[in-house]
Amino acid sequence: MNLFHGLTRNYGPNHKDGETNIFHGFADAAFTNANDYKSTTGYVFLAAGGAITWKSKKQMIIAMSSTESEYVTLLEAGCEAFWLRNLYDELGFPQMGPTVIKSDNEGSVILSHNPQFHVWTKHIEIRHHWVRDLVNDKVLDVQSCL
């Protein structure tokens, strides 16, 4: 017999009834290394007042602008949000509305909603634009936290 079974079987994700957005996230990038010119990606997702997942990692690319660096971070956070949504759905707690991710870079927030800035962002790799697809499909809602 599992000693902990009786202690944990009644526990699960803690949220209020009728709450549509169980978790939300914050994403940021920071230029930290003058030796290799790579930025650091960082994000955190919160649920019920506490962190449920986070990441801090050096980016694999050398960004040509702070907007590109922040946009790459939004993509990383978007991938995590996509995974979390599927996990919560399998646990029986589907997130009804889009997952909110807040960023402090206006350029990356605008870029995630509007592809019209192509002239200034044509150097950004196509794979990083998946975050825009997630926003268009109402899986994510990227907002400014400024």
N, C-alpha and C. Protein backbone atom coordinates (compact mmCIF):
# COMPACT_ATOMS: atom_id res chain seq x y z
N MET A 1 0.84 -1.19 0.00
CA MET A 1 0.00 0.00 0.00
C MET A 1 0.89 1.25 0.00
N ASN A 2 0.50 2.22 -0.81
CA ASN A 2 1.24 3.47 -0.90
C ASN A 2 0.85 4.37 0.27
N LEU A 3 1.82 4.71 1.09
CA LEU A 3 1.59 5.52 2.28
C LEU A 3 1.05 6.90 1.93
N PHE A 4 1.46 7.47 0.79
CA PHE A 4 1.06 8.82 0.43
C PHE A 4 -0.25 8.89 -0.35
N HIS A 5 -0.79 7.76 -0.76
CA HIS A 5 -1.99 7.76 -1.59
C HIS A 5 -3.15 8.48 -0.90
N GLY A 6 -3.37 8.21 0.37
CA GLY A 6 -4.47 8.83 1.10
C GLY A 6 -4.25 10.32 1.33
N LEU A 7 -3.02 10.74 1.34
CA LEU A 7 -2.72 12.15 1.59
C LEU A 7 -2.87 13.02 0.36
N THR A 8 -2.72 12.45 -0.82
CA THR A 8 -2.67 13.28 -2.03
C THR A 8 -3.81 13.08 -3.01
N ARG A 9 -4.67 12.10 -2.82
CA ARG A 9 -5.68 11.82 -3.85
C ARG A 9 -6.71 12.93 -4.01
N ASN A 10 -6.89 13.78 -3.02
CA ASN A 10 -7.88 14.85 -3.11
C ASN A 10 -7.28 16.19 -3.56
N TYR A 11 -5.99 16.17 -3.90
CA TYR A 11 -5.34 17.40 -4.33
C TYR A 11 -5.27 17.48 -5.84
N GLY A 12 -5.32 18.69 -6.37
CA GLY A 12 -5.23 18.91 -7.81
C GLY A 12 -5.04 20.39 -8.06
N PRO A 13 -5.09 20.80 -9.32
CA PRO A 13 -4.95 22.23 -9.61
C PRO A 13 -6.00 23.04 -8.86
N ASN A 14 -5.58 24.10 -8.24
CA ASN A 14 -6.45 24.92 -7.41
C ASN A 14 -6.84 26.19 -8.16
N HIS A 15 -8.11 26.30 -8.53
CA HIS A 15 -8.60 27.51 -9.16
C HIS A 15 -10.07 27.68 -8.84
N LYS A 16 -10.57 28.88 -9.03
CA LYS A 16 -11.95 29.18 -8.69
C LYS A 16 -12.90 28.68 -9.78
N ASP A 17 -14.11 28.30 -9.39
CA ASP A 17 -15.12 27.87 -10.36
C ASP A 17 -15.43 29.01 -11.32
N GLY A 18 -15.58 28.67 -12.58
CA GLY A 18 -15.89 29.66 -13.60
C GLY A 18 -14.68 30.39 -14.15
N GLU A 19 -13.52 30.12 -13.59
CA GLU A 19 -12.29 30.76 -14.06
C GLU A 19 -11.90 30.15 -15.40
N THR A 20 -11.75 30.99 -16.42
CA THR A 20 -11.44 30.47 -17.75
C THR A 20 -9.95 30.41 -18.01
N ASN A 21 -9.19 31.31 -17.45
CA ASN A 21 -7.74 31.31 -17.62
C ASN A 21 -7.10 30.82 -16.34
N ILE A 22 -6.72 29.55 -16.34
CA ILE A 22 -6.16 28.94 -15.14
C ILE A 22 -4.75 29.44 -14.89
N PHE A 23 -3.99 29.65 -15.93
CA PHE A 23 -2.61 30.11 -15.77
C PHE A 23 -2.30 31.21 -16.78
N HIS A 24 -1.27 31.98 -16.49
CA HIS A 24 -0.81 33.05 -17.37
C HIS A 24 0.71 33.15 -17.24
N GLY A 25 1.33 33.86 -18.18
CA GLY A 25 2.78 33.89 -18.17
C GLY A 25 3.37 35.27 -18.39
N PHE A 26 4.65 35.36 -18.11
CA PHE A 26 5.46 36.55 -18.37
C PHE A 26 6.71 36.10 -19.11
N ALA A 27 7.10 36.85 -20.13
CA ALA A 27 8.28 36.50 -20.92
C ALA A 27 9.18 37.73 -21.05
N ASP A 28 10.48 37.50 -21.00
CA ASP A 28 11.44 38.59 -21.13
C ASP A 28 12.76 38.04 -21.65
N ALA A 29 13.49 38.89 -22.32
CA ALA A 29 14.83 38.55 -22.80
C ALA A 29 15.78 39.62 -22.30
N ALA A 30 17.01 39.22 -22.07
CA ALA A 30 18.02 40.17 -21.59
C ALA A 30 19.33 39.92 -22.31
N PHE A 31 19.95 41.00 -22.75
CA PHE A 31 21.28 40.89 -23.34
C PHE A 31 22.28 40.82 -22.20
N THR A 32 22.98 39.70 -22.10
CA THR A 32 23.84 39.51 -20.94
C THR A 32 25.28 39.18 -21.25
N ASN A 33 25.60 38.83 -22.49
CA ASN A 33 26.94 38.34 -22.76
C ASN A 33 27.58 39.10 -23.92
N ALA A 34 28.54 39.94 -23.63
CA ALA A 34 29.23 40.71 -24.68
C ALA A 34 30.26 39.86 -25.42
N ASN A 35 30.57 38.67 -24.92
CA ASN A 35 31.53 37.80 -25.59
C ASN A 35 30.95 37.10 -26.81
N ASP A 36 29.73 36.62 -26.70
CA ASP A 36 29.13 35.92 -27.84
C ASP A 36 27.87 36.62 -28.37
N TYR A 37 27.46 37.72 -27.78
CA TYR A 37 26.35 38.56 -28.22
C TYR A 37 25.01 37.82 -28.25
N LYS A 38 24.86 36.82 -27.39
CA LYS A 38 23.60 36.10 -27.31
C LYS A 38 22.81 36.57 -26.10
N SER A 39 21.51 36.66 -26.26
CA SER A 39 20.63 37.09 -25.18
C SER A 39 20.18 35.87 -24.37
N THR A 40 19.57 36.15 -23.23
CA THR A 40 19.03 35.10 -22.38
C THR A 40 17.51 35.18 -22.41
N THR A 41 16.88 34.03 -22.67
CA THR A 41 15.43 33.91 -22.65
C THR A 41 14.99 33.60 -21.23
N GLY A 42 13.90 34.21 -20.82
CA GLY A 42 13.33 33.90 -19.52
C GLY A 42 11.83 34.00 -19.57
N TYR A 43 11.15 33.02 -18.97
CA TYR A 43 9.70 33.10 -18.83
C TYR A 43 9.27 32.36 -17.58
N VAL A 44 8.07 32.70 -17.11
CA VAL A 44 7.47 32.04 -15.97
C VAL A 44 5.96 31.97 -16.21
N PHE A 45 5.36 30.86 -15.81
CA PHE A 45 3.91 30.72 -15.84
C PHE A 45 3.41 30.54 -14.42
N LEU A 46 2.33 31.25 -14.10
CA LEU A 46 1.76 31.26 -12.76
C LEU A 46 0.35 30.69 -12.77
N ALA A 47 0.01 29.96 -11.74
CA ALA A 47 -1.35 29.47 -11.53
C ALA A 47 -1.62 29.47 -10.03
N ALA A 48 -2.78 29.90 -9.65
CA ALA A 48 -3.19 29.94 -8.24
C ALA A 48 -2.18 30.69 -7.38
N GLY A 49 -1.58 31.73 -7.94
CA GLY A 49 -0.67 32.57 -7.18
C GLY A 49 0.77 32.07 -7.07
N GLY A 50 1.10 30.97 -7.74
CA GLY A 50 2.46 30.45 -7.65
C GLY A 50 3.01 30.04 -9.00
N ALA A 51 4.32 29.97 -9.10
CA ALA A 51 4.97 29.56 -10.34
C ALA A 51 4.79 28.06 -10.55
N ILE A 52 4.37 27.68 -11.76
CA ILE A 52 4.22 26.26 -12.07
C ILE A 52 5.29 25.78 -13.05
N THR A 53 5.85 26.69 -13.82
CA THR A 53 6.95 26.35 -14.72
C THR A 53 7.70 27.62 -15.07
N TRP A 54 8.99 27.50 -15.32
CA TRP A 54 9.82 28.64 -15.68
C TRP A 54 11.03 28.15 -16.43
N LYS A 55 11.70 29.09 -17.10
CA LYS A 55 12.90 28.74 -17.85
C LYS A 55 13.78 29.98 -17.97
N SER A 56 15.07 29.75 -17.91
CA SER A 56 16.06 30.77 -18.18
C SER A 56 17.18 30.09 -18.93
N LYS A 57 17.41 30.52 -20.17
CA LYS A 57 18.39 29.83 -21.01
C LYS A 57 18.96 30.80 -22.04
N LYS A 58 20.24 30.62 -22.35
CA LYS A 58 20.86 31.42 -23.39
C LYS A 58 20.26 31.05 -24.74
N GLN A 59 19.94 32.07 -25.55
CA GLN A 59 19.38 31.81 -26.87
C GLN A 59 20.44 31.23 -27.80
N MET A 60 19.98 30.43 -28.76
CA MET A 60 20.89 29.79 -29.70
C MET A 60 21.30 30.73 -30.83
N ILE A 61 20.56 31.81 -31.01
CA ILE A 61 20.82 32.73 -32.12
C ILE A 61 21.45 34.02 -31.60
N ILE A 62 22.06 34.74 -32.51
CA ILE A 62 22.51 36.10 -32.23
C ILE A 62 21.45 37.01 -32.84
N ALA A 63 20.69 37.67 -31.99
CA ALA A 63 19.60 38.51 -32.45
C ALA A 63 20.13 39.80 -33.06
N MET A 64 19.46 40.24 -34.10
CA MET A 64 19.84 41.48 -34.77
C MET A 64 19.22 42.71 -34.11
N SER A 65 18.25 42.48 -33.21
CA SER A 65 17.59 43.59 -32.53
C SER A 65 17.00 43.08 -31.21
N SER A 66 16.66 44.01 -30.34
CA SER A 66 16.02 43.61 -29.09
C SER A 66 14.63 43.04 -29.37
N THR A 67 13.96 43.54 -30.40
CA THR A 67 12.65 43.01 -30.77
C THR A 67 12.76 41.55 -31.18
N GLU A 68 13.78 41.21 -31.96
CA GLU A 68 13.96 39.81 -32.36
C GLU A 68 14.23 38.94 -31.15
N SER A 69 15.07 39.39 -30.26
CA SER A 69 15.40 38.63 -29.06
C SER A 69 14.15 38.39 -28.21
N GLU A 70 13.34 39.42 -28.03
CA GLU A 70 12.11 39.29 -27.25
C GLU A 70 11.08 38.41 -27.98
N TYR A 71 11.06 38.49 -29.29
CA TYR A 71 10.13 37.70 -30.10
C TYR A 71 10.49 36.21 -30.00
N VAL A 72 11.77 35.89 -30.01
CA VAL A 72 12.22 34.51 -29.83
C VAL A 72 11.80 34.02 -28.44
N THR A 73 11.88 34.88 -27.45
CA THR A 73 11.45 34.53 -26.11
C THR A 73 9.95 34.26 -26.07
N LEU A 74 9.17 35.07 -26.79
CA LEU A 74 7.72 34.84 -26.87
C LEU A 74 7.43 33.48 -27.50
N LEU A 75 8.21 33.10 -28.50
CA LEU A 75 8.03 31.80 -29.12
C LEU A 75 8.28 30.69 -28.10
N GLU A 76 9.37 30.79 -27.35
CA GLU A 76 9.68 29.78 -26.33
C GLU A 76 8.56 29.69 -25.30
N ALA A 77 8.09 30.84 -24.84
CA ALA A 77 6.99 30.86 -23.87
C ALA A 77 5.70 30.33 -24.50
N GLY A 78 5.48 30.64 -25.78
CA GLY A 78 4.30 30.13 -26.48
C GLY A 78 4.30 28.62 -26.59
N CYS A 79 5.45 28.04 -26.84
CA CYS A 79 5.57 26.57 -26.89
C CYS A 79 5.24 25.97 -25.54
N GLU A 80 5.73 26.59 -24.47
CA GLU A 80 5.44 26.10 -23.12
C GLU A 80 3.96 26.24 -22.80
N ALA A 81 3.36 27.35 -23.18
CA ALA A 81 1.92 27.56 -22.94
C ALA A 81 1.11 26.51 -23.70
N PHE A 82 1.50 26.22 -24.92
CA PHE A 82 0.81 25.21 -25.73
C PHE A 82 0.86 23.86 -25.03
N TRP A 83 2.04 23.50 -24.51
CA TRP A 83 2.20 22.24 -23.78
C TRP A 83 1.37 22.23 -22.50
N LEU A 84 1.40 23.34 -21.74
CA LEU A 84 0.63 23.43 -20.50
C LEU A 84 -0.86 23.32 -20.75
N ARG A 85 -1.33 23.95 -21.82
CA ARG A 85 -2.75 23.87 -22.15
C ARG A 85 -3.16 22.42 -22.39
N ASN A 86 -2.34 21.68 -23.13
CA ASN A 86 -2.64 20.27 -23.39
C ASN A 86 -2.60 19.46 -22.10
N LEU A 87 -1.63 19.72 -21.22
CA LEU A 87 -1.52 19.02 -19.96
C LEU A 87 -2.76 19.26 -19.10
N TYR A 88 -3.13 20.52 -18.92
CA TYR A 88 -4.29 20.86 -18.11
C TYR A 88 -5.56 20.26 -18.71
N ASP A 89 -5.66 20.23 -20.03
CA ASP A 89 -6.81 19.63 -20.69
C ASP A 89 -6.90 18.14 -20.36
N GLU A 90 -5.77 17.45 -20.42
CA GLU A 90 -5.74 16.02 -20.09
C GLU A 90 -6.09 15.77 -18.62
N LEU A 91 -5.77 16.71 -17.75
CA LEU A 91 -6.09 16.58 -16.33
C LEU A 91 -7.53 16.94 -16.03
N GLY A 92 -8.26 17.41 -17.06
CA GLY A 92 -9.66 17.77 -16.87
C GLY A 92 -9.90 19.22 -16.51
N PHE A 93 -8.91 20.07 -16.74
CA PHE A 93 -9.02 21.50 -16.45
C PHE A 93 -8.69 22.30 -17.71
N PRO A 94 -9.55 22.25 -18.72
CA PRO A 94 -9.22 22.97 -19.96
C PRO A 94 -9.23 24.48 -19.77
N GLN A 95 -8.32 25.14 -20.42
CA GLN A 95 -8.25 26.59 -20.40
C GLN A 95 -9.13 27.08 -21.55
N MET A 96 -10.23 27.73 -21.23
CA MET A 96 -11.23 28.10 -22.24
C MET A 96 -10.77 29.25 -23.13
N GLY A 97 -10.24 30.28 -22.56
CA GLY A 97 -9.81 31.43 -23.36
C GLY A 97 -8.35 31.30 -23.74
N PRO A 98 -7.85 32.27 -24.47
CA PRO A 98 -6.43 32.25 -24.81
C PRO A 98 -5.56 32.45 -23.57
N THR A 99 -4.38 31.86 -23.59
CA THR A 99 -3.43 32.01 -22.50
C THR A 99 -2.74 33.37 -22.64
N VAL A 100 -2.77 34.16 -21.60
CA VAL A 100 -2.16 35.49 -21.62
C VAL A 100 -0.68 35.37 -21.30
N ILE A 101 0.14 35.95 -22.17
CA ILE A 101 1.57 36.09 -21.92
C ILE A 101 1.90 37.57 -22.02
N LYS A 102 2.52 38.09 -20.99
CA LYS A 102 2.87 39.51 -20.95
C LYS A 102 4.35 39.69 -21.24
N SER A 103 4.66 40.73 -22.02
CA SER A 103 6.03 41.05 -22.40
C SER A 103 6.26 42.54 -22.21
N ASP A 104 7.51 42.92 -21.98
CA ASP A 104 7.83 44.34 -21.78
C ASP A 104 8.40 44.98 -23.04
N ASN A 105 8.32 44.31 -24.18
CA ASN A 105 8.85 44.85 -25.42
C ASN A 105 7.71 45.11 -26.39
N GLU A 106 7.40 46.38 -26.62
CA GLU A 106 6.28 46.75 -27.48
C GLU A 106 6.42 46.20 -28.90
N GLY A 107 7.65 46.20 -29.43
CA GLY A 107 7.88 45.72 -30.79
C GLY A 107 7.50 44.27 -30.95
N SER A 108 7.88 43.42 -30.02
CA SER A 108 7.56 42.00 -30.12
C SER A 108 6.07 41.75 -29.90
N VAL A 109 5.43 42.54 -29.04
CA VAL A 109 3.99 42.40 -28.82
C VAL A 109 3.24 42.76 -30.10
N ILE A 110 3.61 43.89 -30.70
CA ILE A 110 2.96 44.32 -31.95
C ILE A 110 3.22 43.31 -33.06
N LEU A 111 4.44 42.82 -33.16
CA LEU A 111 4.80 41.86 -34.20
C LEU A 111 4.01 40.57 -34.05
N SER A 112 3.73 40.14 -32.83
CA SER A 112 2.98 38.91 -32.63
C SER A 112 1.52 39.04 -33.07
N HIS A 113 1.02 40.27 -33.14
CA HIS A 113 -0.37 40.51 -33.56
C HIS A 113 -0.48 40.97 -35.01
N ASN A 114 0.57 41.57 -35.55
CA ASN A 114 0.46 42.27 -36.83
C ASN A 114 1.66 41.98 -37.72
N PRO A 115 1.47 41.30 -38.84
CA PRO A 115 2.60 40.99 -39.73
C PRO A 115 3.03 42.15 -40.62
N GLN A 116 2.51 43.33 -40.43
CA GLN A 116 2.79 44.45 -41.31
C GLN A 116 4.19 45.04 -41.15
N PHE A 117 4.92 44.64 -40.13
CA PHE A 117 6.26 45.19 -39.92
C PHE A 117 7.32 44.38 -40.65
N HIS A 118 6.97 43.80 -41.77
CA HIS A 118 7.87 42.92 -42.49
C HIS A 118 9.18 43.62 -42.91
N VAL A 119 9.11 44.88 -43.28
CA VAL A 119 10.29 45.60 -43.73
C VAL A 119 11.37 45.64 -42.64
N TRP A 120 10.95 45.81 -41.38
CA TRP A 120 11.91 45.92 -40.29
C TRP A 120 12.27 44.57 -39.68
N THR A 121 11.52 43.54 -40.04
CA THR A 121 11.72 42.25 -39.38
C THR A 121 11.97 41.11 -40.36
N LYS A 122 12.36 41.42 -41.57
CA LYS A 122 12.55 40.35 -42.54
C LYS A 122 13.74 39.46 -42.21
N HIS A 123 14.61 39.90 -41.30
CA HIS A 123 15.75 39.08 -40.90
C HIS A 123 15.37 37.99 -39.88
N ILE A 124 14.16 38.07 -39.31
CA ILE A 124 13.72 37.08 -38.31
C ILE A 124 13.35 35.78 -39.02
N GLU A 125 13.88 34.67 -38.52
CA GLU A 125 13.62 33.38 -39.14
C GLU A 125 12.13 33.05 -39.12
N ILE A 126 11.68 32.39 -40.18
CA ILE A 126 10.26 32.07 -40.34
C ILE A 126 9.74 31.23 -39.19
N ARG A 127 10.53 30.32 -38.65
CA ARG A 127 10.03 29.44 -37.59
C ARG A 127 9.65 30.21 -36.34
N HIS A 128 10.22 31.40 -36.14
CA HIS A 128 9.87 32.19 -34.97
C HIS A 128 8.49 32.83 -35.08
N HIS A 129 7.93 32.83 -36.27
CA HIS A 129 6.62 33.43 -36.46
C HIS A 129 5.47 32.50 -36.05
N TRP A 130 5.77 31.30 -35.53
CA TRP A 130 4.71 30.42 -35.05
C TRP A 130 3.94 31.07 -33.92
N VAL A 131 4.59 31.95 -33.16
CA VAL A 131 3.89 32.66 -32.10
C VAL A 131 2.73 33.48 -32.69
N ARG A 132 2.91 34.03 -33.86
CA ARG A 132 1.85 34.78 -34.53
C ARG A 132 0.68 33.86 -34.87
N ASP A 133 0.96 32.63 -35.29
CA ASP A 133 -0.10 31.67 -35.58
C ASP A 133 -0.89 31.34 -34.31
N LEU A 134 -0.18 31.20 -33.18
CA LEU A 134 -0.86 30.91 -31.92
C LEU A 134 -1.77 32.07 -31.50
N VAL A 135 -1.34 33.29 -31.76
CA VAL A 135 -2.17 34.46 -31.45
C VAL A 135 -3.38 34.49 -32.38
N ASN A 136 -3.16 34.26 -33.67
CA ASN A 136 -4.28 34.27 -34.63
C ASN A 136 -5.29 33.17 -34.35
N ASP A 137 -4.82 32.03 -33.84
CA ASP A 137 -5.71 30.91 -33.52
C ASP A 137 -6.34 31.03 -32.14
N LYS A 138 -6.10 32.15 -31.46
CA LYS A 138 -6.65 32.44 -30.13
C LYS A 138 -6.18 31.45 -29.06
N VAL A 139 -4.99 30.88 -29.26
CA VAL A 139 -4.37 30.03 -28.25
C VAL A 139 -3.62 30.92 -27.26
N LEU A 140 -2.99 31.98 -27.77
CA LEU A 140 -2.27 32.96 -26.95
C LEU A 140 -2.87 34.34 -27.10
N ASP A 141 -2.70 35.13 -26.07
CA ASP A 141 -3.01 36.56 -26.12
C ASP A 141 -1.78 37.27 -25.56
N VAL A 142 -0.95 37.78 -26.45
CA VAL A 142 0.29 38.46 -26.05
C VAL A 142 -0.07 39.90 -25.72
N GLN A 143 0.28 40.33 -24.51
CA GLN A 143 -0.04 41.68 -24.05
C GLN A 143 1.21 42.38 -23.54
N SER A 144 1.15 43.69 -23.58
CA SER A 144 2.25 44.50 -23.04
C SER A 144 2.05 44.64 -21.53
N CYS A 145 3.13 44.59 -20.79
CA CYS A 145 3.04 44.81 -19.34
C CYS A 145 3.65 46.15 -18.95
N LEU A 146 3.82 47.04 -19.93
CA LEU A 146 4.37 48.37 -19.63
C LEU A 146 3.29 49.30 -19.14
